[in-house]
Amino acid sequence: MNGTFLYDEFNGRQLDIYVPQDTSINVPAVFVQDGSSLFRTHLLEIERLIEAKTISPIIIVGIHPFNRLDEYTPWKASSLRSGFPDFKGEAQTYVSFLENDLLPYIKKEYPVQETCHEHSHVGASLGGLFAIYTLLMHPALFKNIASLSGSFWYQDFLPFAKQQSIQYVDHLIYLSVGSEEGKGKTSAQQHMPLFNKQLHDLLLQKGMQEWQLHYHIEQGKGHHLKQFQKNFLSALKWFYKREL
């Protein structure tokens, strides 16, 4: 690998960071929830895309959660299964940390563009829920949002999203879900594909244009990490495609 993969720590939180080979210019940053689980095993492929000028150079920042059940959820809610902890709903505190602490730190310590015009935010499952929550509450924070199998089954989330009124000028939103997600479940998770489609339709109703949305159904696929990783790569190609 010609670039650098390194571990950093900020405010007690582990960061997994990929920096491309050429650091002479400031580049967009991709902020990813759940550490480097979505991209660590595909760094060589990402680097080949950069070197082939298929995508623009990027820095990737994988952020480890302290507790994803709490930090990625927008408000308190009961667990879907007995014996599991309830969700504490600390997303607003966490997004404030991203905006006021982490982003300034990354911009200071790494060759990252100062403005947020090209930065991206990616999450899978509850991380995907959090990515869309961030879009709704802080639309100026990231231009590109990828929600991979977003947990839009979360209690009252779709009604909440419907109530928000936001102007989406040039955002790009990547949504993916497996057609088999939720199969065999008896909770709200059984409707994963439906809820993702409803979120897509809701964004259109709020004024987003078709060119701003990429909605992808993985036929025959369930809720699995390999599926998330595949769609992470697809999202990068769409967000940062270079016009030759």
C-alpha atoms as a PDB file:
ATOM      1  CA  MET A   1       0.000   0.000   0.000  1.00  0.00           C
ATOM      2  CA  ASN A   2       1.387   3.390  -0.981  1.00  0.00           C
ATOM      3  CA  GLY A   3      -0.784   5.422   1.344  1.00  0.00           C
ATOM      4  CA  THR A   4      -0.824   5.147   5.122  1.00  0.00           C
ATOM      5  CA  PHE A   5      -3.228   3.403   7.480  1.00  0.00           C
ATOM      6  CA  LEU A   6      -2.755   4.586  11.043  1.00  0.00           C
ATOM      7  CA  TYR A   7      -4.376   4.659  14.464  1.00  0.00           C
ATOM      8  CA  ASP A   8      -5.048   7.923  16.230  1.00  0.00           C
ATOM      9  CA  GLU A   9      -6.852   8.791  19.442  1.00  0.00           C
ATOM     10  CA  PHE A  10      -8.911  11.835  20.247  1.00  0.00           C
ATOM     11  CA  ASN A  11     -10.705  12.456  23.545  1.00  0.00           C
ATOM     12  CA  GLY A  12     -10.231   8.789  24.426  1.00  0.00           C
ATOM     13  CA  ARG A  13     -11.822   7.613  21.200  1.00  0.00           C
ATOM     14  CA  GLN A  14      -9.928   5.429  18.701  1.00  0.00           C
ATOM     15  CA  LEU A  15      -9.705   6.640  15.110  1.00  0.00           C
ATOM     16  CA  ASP A  16      -8.673   4.409  12.187  1.00  0.00           C
ATOM     17  CA  ILE A  17      -7.385   6.680   9.433  1.00  0.00           C
ATOM     18  CA  TYR A  18      -6.334   6.158   5.823  1.00  0.00           C
ATOM     19  CA  VAL A  19      -4.212   8.918   4.265  1.00  0.00           C
ATOM     20  CA  PRO A  20      -3.437   8.743   0.521  1.00  0.00           C
ATOM     21  CA  GLN A  21       0.116   8.868  -0.792  1.00  0.00           C
ATOM     22  CA  ASP A  22      -0.026  12.452  -2.048  1.00  0.00           C
ATOM     23  CA  THR A  23      -0.515  14.788   0.908  1.00  0.00           C
ATOM     24  CA  SER A  24       0.580  17.948  -0.919  1.00  0.00           C
ATOM     25  CA  ILE A  25      -3.025  19.080  -1.332  1.00  0.00           C
ATOM     26  CA  ASN A  26      -5.992  19.106   1.001  1.00  0.00           C
ATOM     27  CA  VAL A  27      -8.599  16.504   0.093  1.00  0.00           C
ATOM     28  CA  PRO A  28     -12.151  15.555   1.134  1.00  0.00           C
ATOM     29  CA  ALA A  29     -12.628  13.398   4.207  1.00  0.00           C
ATOM     30  CA  VAL A  30     -14.971  10.443   4.566  1.00  0.00           C
ATOM     31  CA  PHE A  31     -16.142  10.020   8.161  1.00  0.00           C
ATOM     32  CA  VAL A  32     -17.210   6.431   8.863  1.00  0.00           C
ATOM     33  CA  GLN A  33     -19.034   5.036  11.878  1.00  0.00           C
ATOM     34  CA  ASP A  34     -17.981   1.751  13.576  1.00  0.00           C
ATOM     35  CA  GLY A  35     -14.262   2.276  13.099  1.00  0.00           C
ATOM     36  CA  SER A  36     -12.705   0.792   9.965  1.00  0.00           C
ATOM     37  CA  SER A  37     -15.023  -2.223   9.708  1.00  0.00           C
ATOM     38  CA  LEU A  38     -16.499  -0.962   6.432  1.00  0.00           C
ATOM     39  CA  PHE A  39     -13.218  -0.231   4.664  1.00  0.00           C
ATOM     40  CA  ARG A  40     -10.148  -1.793   6.329  1.00  0.00           C
ATOM     41  CA  THR A  41     -10.121  -4.945   4.175  1.00  0.00           C
ATOM     42  CA  HIS A  42     -10.658  -2.949   0.966  1.00  0.00           C
ATOM     43  CA  LEU A  43      -7.961  -0.297   1.310  1.00  0.00           C
ATOM     44  CA  LEU A  44      -5.879  -1.693  -1.562  1.00  0.00           C
ATOM     45  CA  GLU A  45      -8.897  -1.526  -3.861  1.00  0.00           C
ATOM     46  CA  ILE A  46      -9.678   2.016  -2.719  1.00  0.00           C
ATOM     47  CA  GLU A  47      -6.077   2.998  -3.352  1.00  0.00           C
ATOM     48  CA  ARG A  48      -6.189   1.502  -6.855  1.00  0.00           C
ATOM     49  CA  LEU A  49      -9.291   3.575  -7.589  1.00  0.00           C
ATOM     50  CA  ILE A  50      -7.432   6.714  -6.492  1.00  0.00           C
ATOM     51  CA  GLU A  51      -4.258   5.889  -8.438  1.00  0.00           C
ATOM     52  CA  ALA A  52      -6.257   5.047 -11.573  1.00  0.00           C
ATOM     53  CA  LYS A  53      -7.995   8.420 -11.192  1.00  0.00           C
ATOM     54  CA  THR A  54     -11.342   6.641 -11.019  1.00  0.00           C
ATOM     55  CA  ILE A  55     -12.106   8.563  -7.826  1.00  0.00           C
ATOM     56  CA  SER A  56     -10.594  11.683  -6.326  1.00  0.00           C
ATOM     57  CA  PRO A  57      -8.066  11.319  -3.489  1.00  0.00           C
ATOM     58  CA  ILE A  58      -9.731  11.080  -0.074  1.00  0.00           C
ATOM     59  CA  ILE A  59      -8.872  10.644   3.567  1.00  0.00           C
ATOM     60  CA  ILE A  60     -10.992   8.108   5.451  1.00  0.00           C
ATOM     61  CA  VAL A  61     -11.638   8.518   9.169  1.00  0.00           C
ATOM     62  CA  GLY A  62     -13.118   5.490  10.931  1.00  0.00           C
ATOM     63  CA  ILE A  63     -14.597   6.522  14.282  1.00  0.00           C
ATOM     64  CA  HIS A  64     -14.980   3.918  17.020  1.00  0.00           C
ATOM     65  CA  PRO A  65     -18.090   4.367  19.166  1.00  0.00           C
ATOM     66  CA  PHE A  66     -18.027   4.137  22.930  1.00  0.00           C
ATOM     67  CA  ASN A  67     -21.440   2.456  22.747  1.00  0.00           C
ATOM     68  CA  ARG A  68     -23.158   2.301  19.354  1.00  0.00           C
ATOM     69  CA  LEU A  69     -26.556   1.413  20.854  1.00  0.00           C
ATOM     70  CA  ASP A  70     -26.535   4.774  22.620  1.00  0.00           C
ATOM     71  CA  GLU A  71     -24.514   7.127  20.416  1.00  0.00           C
ATOM     72  CA  TYR A  72     -26.206   6.183  17.149  1.00  0.00           C
ATOM     73  CA  THR A  73     -29.787   6.434  18.429  1.00  0.00           C
ATOM     74  CA  PRO A  74     -31.717   9.733  18.414  1.00  0.00           C
ATOM     75  CA  TRP A  75     -33.811   9.298  21.560  1.00  0.00           C
ATOM     76  CA  LYS A  76     -34.469   6.743  24.252  1.00  0.00           C
ATOM     77  CA  ALA A  77     -36.282   3.568  23.203  1.00  0.00           C
ATOM     78  CA  SER A  78     -36.859   0.102  24.580  1.00  0.00           C
ATOM     79  CA  SER A  79     -34.799  -2.827  23.376  1.00  0.00           C
ATOM     80  CA  LEU A  80     -36.370  -5.006  20.707  1.00  0.00           C
ATOM     81  CA  ARG A  81     -35.477  -8.152  22.644  1.00  0.00           C
ATOM     82  CA  SER A  82     -35.680  -9.049  26.301  1.00  0.00           C
ATOM     83  CA  GLY A  83     -32.352  -9.322  28.033  1.00  0.00           C
ATOM     84  CA  PHE A  84     -30.761  -6.637  25.866  1.00  0.00           C
ATOM     85  CA  PRO A  85     -30.094  -3.059  27.063  1.00  0.00           C
ATOM     86  CA  ASP A  86     -32.427  -0.251  26.061  1.00  0.00           C
ATOM     87  CA  PHE A  87     -31.271   2.464  23.665  1.00  0.00           C
ATOM     88  CA  LYS A  88     -30.204   5.632  25.487  1.00  0.00           C
ATOM     89  CA  GLY A  89     -30.645   8.056  22.577  1.00  0.00           C
ATOM     90  CA  GLU A  90     -27.396  10.051  22.731  1.00  0.00           C
ATOM     91  CA  ALA A  91     -27.128  10.924  19.017  1.00  0.00           C
ATOM     92  CA  GLN A  92     -27.440  14.672  19.532  1.00  0.00           C
ATOM     93  CA  THR A  93     -24.563  14.686  22.016  1.00  0.00           C
ATOM     94  CA  TYR A  94     -22.475  12.584  19.638  1.00  0.00           C
ATOM     95  CA  VAL A  95     -23.157  14.725  16.561  1.00  0.00           C
ATOM     96  CA  SER A  96     -22.200  17.800  18.589  1.00  0.00           C
ATOM     97  CA  PHE A  97     -18.885  16.075  19.332  1.00  0.00           C
ATOM     98  CA  LEU A  98     -18.368  15.447  15.610  1.00  0.00           C
ATOM     99  CA  GLU A  99     -19.144  19.032  14.671  1.00  0.00           C
ATOM    100  CA  ASN A 100     -17.431  20.934  17.453  1.00  0.00           C
ATOM    101  CA  ASP A 101     -14.499  18.690  18.368  1.00  0.00           C
ATOM    102  CA  LEU A 102     -13.612  15.929  15.924  1.00  0.00           C
ATOM    103  CA  LEU A 103     -13.961  17.754  12.596  1.00  0.00           C
ATOM    104  CA  PRO A 104     -11.805  20.706  13.722  1.00  0.00           C
ATOM    105  CA  TYR A 105      -9.194  18.248  15.010  1.00  0.00           C
ATOM    106  CA  ILE A 106      -9.067  16.302  11.738  1.00  0.00           C
ATOM    107  CA  LYS A 107      -8.827  19.511   9.702  1.00  0.00           C
ATOM    108  CA  LYS A 108      -5.964  20.693  11.890  1.00  0.00           C
ATOM    109  CA  GLU A 109      -3.950  17.470  11.981  1.00  0.00           C
ATOM    110  CA  TYR A 110      -4.502  16.054   8.479  1.00  0.00           C
ATOM    111  CA  PRO A 111      -4.486  17.412   4.902  1.00  0.00           C
ATOM    112  CA  VAL A 112      -8.266  17.812   4.790  1.00  0.00           C
ATOM    113  CA  GLN A 113     -10.276  20.484   3.017  1.00  0.00           C
ATOM    114  CA  GLU A 114     -11.374  23.260   5.353  1.00  0.00           C
ATOM    115  CA  THR A 115     -14.947  23.489   4.082  1.00  0.00           C
ATOM    116  CA  CYS A 116     -17.439  20.637   4.385  1.00  0.00           C
ATOM    117  CA  HIS A 117     -18.522  20.937   0.755  1.00  0.00           C
ATOM    118  CA  GLU A 118     -17.052  17.579  -0.303  1.00  0.00           C
ATOM    119  CA  HIS A 119     -16.939  15.663   2.989  1.00  0.00           C
ATOM    120  CA  SER A 120     -18.940  12.458   3.444  1.00  0.00           C
ATOM    121  CA  HIS A 121     -20.569  10.608   6.314  1.00  0.00           C
ATOM    122  CA  VAL A 122     -21.104   6.835   6.124  1.00  0.00           C
ATOM    123  CA  GLY A 123     -22.735   4.379   8.499  1.00  0.00           C
ATOM    124  CA  ALA A 124     -24.281   0.920   8.415  1.00  0.00           C
ATOM    125  CA  SER A 125     -27.267  -0.402  10.364  1.00  0.00           C
ATOM    126  CA  LEU A 126     -27.638   1.872  13.410  1.00  0.00           C
ATOM    127  CA  GLY A 127     -24.729   3.844  11.971  1.00  0.00           C
ATOM    128  CA  GLY A 128     -26.843   4.378   8.856  1.00  0.00           C
ATOM    129  CA  LEU A 129     -29.704   5.609  11.015  1.00  0.00           C
ATOM    130  CA  PHE A 130     -27.315   8.057  12.662  1.00  0.00           C
ATOM    131  CA  ALA A 131     -26.014   9.261   9.283  1.00  0.00           C
ATOM    132  CA  ILE A 132     -29.538  10.210   8.185  1.00  0.00           C
ATOM    133  CA  TYR A 133     -30.307  11.753  11.583  1.00  0.00           C
ATOM    134  CA  THR A 134     -27.226  13.936  11.130  1.00  0.00           C
ATOM    135  CA  LEU A 135     -28.424  14.940   7.660  1.00  0.00           C
ATOM    136  CA  LEU A 136     -31.831  15.952   9.027  1.00  0.00           C
ATOM    137  CA  MET A 137     -30.536  17.886  12.029  1.00  0.00           C
ATOM    138  CA  HIS A 138     -27.229  19.268  10.688  1.00  0.00           C
ATOM    139  CA  PRO A 139     -27.518  19.318   6.870  1.00  0.00           C
ATOM    140  CA  ALA A 140     -24.516  21.620   6.412  1.00  0.00           C
ATOM    141  CA  LEU A 141     -22.127  19.257   8.190  1.00  0.00           C
ATOM    142  CA  PHE A 142     -21.603  16.768   5.331  1.00  0.00           C
ATOM    143  CA  LYS A 143     -22.366  16.995   1.636  1.00  0.00           C
ATOM    144  CA  ASN A 144     -22.540  13.244   0.971  1.00  0.00           C
ATOM    145  CA  ILE A 145     -24.400  10.718   3.109  1.00  0.00           C
ATOM    146  CA  ALA A 146     -24.323   6.916   2.757  1.00  0.00           C
ATOM    147  CA  SER A 147     -26.750   4.902   4.852  1.00  0.00           C
ATOM    148  CA  LEU A 148     -26.099   1.191   4.358  1.00  0.00           C
ATOM    149  CA  SER A 149     -29.000  -0.924   5.599  1.00  0.00           C
ATOM    150  CA  GLY A 150     -30.083   1.948   7.826  1.00  0.00           C
ATOM    151  CA  SER A 151     -32.113   0.974  10.890  1.00  0.00           C
ATOM    152  CA  PHE A 152     -35.172   3.056  10.019  1.00  0.00           C
ATOM    153  CA  TRP A 153     -37.289   0.634  12.039  1.00  0.00           C
ATOM    154  CA  TYR A 154     -36.182   2.667  15.054  1.00  0.00           C
ATOM    155  CA  GLN A 155     -39.158   3.816  17.113  1.00  0.00           C
ATOM    156  CA  ASP A 156     -40.825   6.949  15.650  1.00  0.00           C
ATOM    157  CA  PHE A 157     -37.912   7.748  13.313  1.00  0.00           C
ATOM    158  CA  LEU A 158     -39.832   7.953  10.034  1.00  0.00           C
ATOM    159  CA  PRO A 159     -42.579  10.175  11.535  1.00  0.00           C
ATOM    160  CA  PHE A 160     -39.782  12.352  12.956  1.00  0.00           C
ATOM    161  CA  ALA A 161     -38.074  12.572   9.560  1.00  0.00           C
ATOM    162  CA  LYS A 162     -41.363  13.542   7.940  1.00  0.00           C
ATOM    163  CA  GLN A 163     -41.675  16.530  10.273  1.00  0.00           C
ATOM    164  CA  GLN A 164     -38.296  17.997   9.326  1.00  0.00           C
ATOM    165  CA  SER A 165     -38.119  20.823   6.796  1.00  0.00           C
ATOM    166  CA  ILE A 166     -34.687  21.147   5.208  1.00  0.00           C
ATOM    167  CA  GLN A 167     -33.309  22.535   1.971  1.00  0.00           C
ATOM    168  CA  TYR A 168     -31.076  20.009   0.190  1.00  0.00           C
ATOM    169  CA  VAL A 169     -29.118  22.039  -2.338  1.00  0.00           C
ATOM    170  CA  ASP A 170     -26.432  19.701  -3.642  1.00  0.00           C
ATOM    171  CA  HIS A 171     -26.341  16.745  -1.236  1.00  0.00           C
ATOM    172  CA  LEU A 172     -25.815  13.221  -2.548  1.00  0.00           C
ATOM    173  CA  ILE A 173     -27.554  10.444  -0.606  1.00  0.00           C
ATOM    174  CA  TYR A 174     -26.700   6.759  -1.079  1.00  0.00           C
ATOM    175  CA  LEU A 175     -29.196   4.260   0.358  1.00  0.00           C
ATOM    176  CA  SER A 176     -28.816   0.482   0.175  1.00  0.00           C
ATOM    177  CA  VAL A 177     -30.638  -2.449   1.731  1.00  0.00           C
ATOM    178  CA  GLY A 178     -30.783  -6.208   1.220  1.00  0.00           C
ATOM    179  CA  SER A 179     -34.037  -7.652  -0.082  1.00  0.00           C
ATOM    180  CA  GLU A 180     -33.899 -10.395   2.569  1.00  0.00           C
ATOM    181  CA  GLU A 181     -33.198  -8.149   5.561  1.00  0.00           C
ATOM    182  CA  GLY A 182     -35.624  -8.711   8.375  1.00  0.00           C
ATOM    183  CA  LYS A 183     -36.690 -12.151   7.179  1.00  0.00           C
ATOM    184  CA  GLY A 184     -37.561 -14.302  10.172  1.00  0.00           C
ATOM    185  CA  LYS A 185     -37.866 -11.313  12.513  1.00  0.00           C
ATOM    186  CA  THR A 186     -41.052 -10.566  14.428  1.00  0.00           C
ATOM    187  CA  SER A 187     -40.076  -7.054  15.522  1.00  0.00           C
ATOM    188  CA  ALA A 188     -40.173  -3.881  13.425  1.00  0.00           C
ATOM    189  CA  GLN A 189     -36.910  -5.065  11.858  1.00  0.00           C
ATOM    190  CA  GLN A 190     -38.926  -7.376   9.612  1.00  0.00           C
ATOM    191  CA  HIS A 191     -39.840  -4.304   7.533  1.00  0.00           C
ATOM    192  CA  MET A 192     -36.259  -3.147   6.827  1.00  0.00           C
ATOM    193  CA  PRO A 193     -36.624  -2.973   2.997  1.00  0.00           C
ATOM    194  CA  LEU A 194     -39.973  -1.200   3.251  1.00  0.00           C
ATOM    195  CA  PHE A 195     -38.710   1.405   5.718  1.00  0.00           C
ATOM    196  CA  ASN A 196     -35.659   2.132   3.551  1.00  0.00           C
ATOM    197  CA  LYS A 197     -37.941   2.651   0.550  1.00  0.00           C
ATOM    198  CA  GLN A 198     -40.157   4.944   2.606  1.00  0.00           C
ATOM    199  CA  LEU A 199     -37.133   7.020   3.634  1.00  0.00           C
ATOM    200  CA  HIS A 200     -36.091   7.294  -0.025  1.00  0.00           C
ATOM    201  CA  ASP A 201     -39.578   8.414  -1.050  1.00  0.00           C
ATOM    202  CA  LEU A 202     -39.710  10.878   1.831  1.00  0.00           C
ATOM    203  CA  LEU A 203     -36.490  12.571   0.719  1.00  0.00           C
ATOM    204  CA  LEU A 204     -37.967  12.996  -2.763  1.00  0.00           C
ATOM    205  CA  GLN A 205     -41.109  14.491  -1.255  1.00  0.00           C
ATOM    206  CA  LYS A 206     -38.945  16.977   0.634  1.00  0.00           C
ATOM    207  CA  GLY A 207     -37.512  18.308  -2.591  1.00  0.00           C
ATOM    208  CA  MET A 208     -34.488  16.176  -3.360  1.00  0.00           C
ATOM    209  CA  GLN A 209     -33.997  15.408  -7.034  1.00  0.00           C
ATOM    210  CA  GLU A 210     -33.534  11.937  -8.516  1.00  0.00           C
ATOM    211  CA  TRP A 211     -29.924  12.748  -9.434  1.00  0.00           C
ATOM    212  CA  GLN A 212     -29.172  13.363  -5.736  1.00  0.00           C
ATOM    213  CA  LEU A 213     -30.367   9.917  -4.637  1.00  0.00           C
ATOM    214  CA  HIS A 214     -28.929   6.464  -5.252  1.00  0.00           C
ATOM    215  CA  TYR A 215     -31.280   3.793  -3.927  1.00  0.00           C
ATOM    216  CA  HIS A 216     -30.007   0.233  -4.251  1.00  0.00           C
ATOM    217  CA  ILE A 217     -31.637  -3.064  -3.274  1.00  0.00           C
ATOM    218  CA  GLU A 218     -29.252  -6.020  -2.934  1.00  0.00           C
ATOM    219  CA  GLN A 219     -31.361  -8.873  -4.234  1.00  0.00           C
ATOM    220  CA  GLY A 220     -31.174 -12.021  -2.113  1.00  0.00           C
ATOM    221  CA  LYS A 221     -28.954 -10.379   0.523  1.00  0.00           C
ATOM    222  CA  GLY A 222     -29.450 -10.031   4.261  1.00  0.00           C
ATOM    223  CA  HIS A 223     -27.971  -7.822   6.959  1.00  0.00           C
ATOM    224  CA  HIS A 224     -24.273  -8.678   6.658  1.00  0.00           C
ATOM    225  CA  LEU A 225     -20.923  -6.896   6.916  1.00  0.00           C
ATOM    226  CA  LYS A 226     -19.757  -8.027   3.461  1.00  0.00           C
ATOM    227  CA  GLN A 227     -22.819  -6.411   1.950  1.00  0.00           C
ATOM    228  CA  PHE A 228     -22.065  -3.185   3.835  1.00  0.00           C
ATOM    229  CA  GLN A 229     -18.447  -3.216   2.616  1.00  0.00           C
ATOM    230  CA  LYS A 230     -19.484  -3.725  -0.989  1.00  0.00           C
ATOM    231  CA  ASN A 231     -21.891  -0.817  -0.840  1.00  0.00           C
ATOM    232  CA  PHE A 232     -19.314   1.351   0.902  1.00  0.00           C
ATOM    233  CA  LEU A 233     -17.123   1.023  -2.193  1.00  0.00           C
ATOM    234  CA  SER A 234     -20.072   1.762  -4.470  1.00  0.00           C
ATOM    235  CA  ALA A 235     -20.873   4.884  -2.489  1.00  0.00           C
ATOM    236  CA  LEU A 236     -17.272   6.141  -2.758  1.00  0.00           C
ATOM    237  CA  LYS A 237     -17.314   5.614  -6.530  1.00  0.00           C
ATOM    238  CA  TRP A 238     -20.512   7.626  -6.816  1.00  0.00           C
ATOM    239  CA  PHE A 239     -19.503  10.441  -4.463  1.00  0.00           C
ATOM    240  CA  TYR A 240     -15.979  10.941  -5.819  1.00  0.00           C
ATOM    241  CA  LYS A 241     -16.123   9.836  -9.449  1.00  0.00           C
ATOM    242  CA  ARG A 242     -13.632  11.833 -11.505  1.00  0.00           C
ATOM    243  CA  GLU A 243     -14.745  13.246 -14.802  1.00  0.00           C
ATOM    244  CA  LEU A 244     -12.022  12.418 -17.325  1.00  0.00           C
END
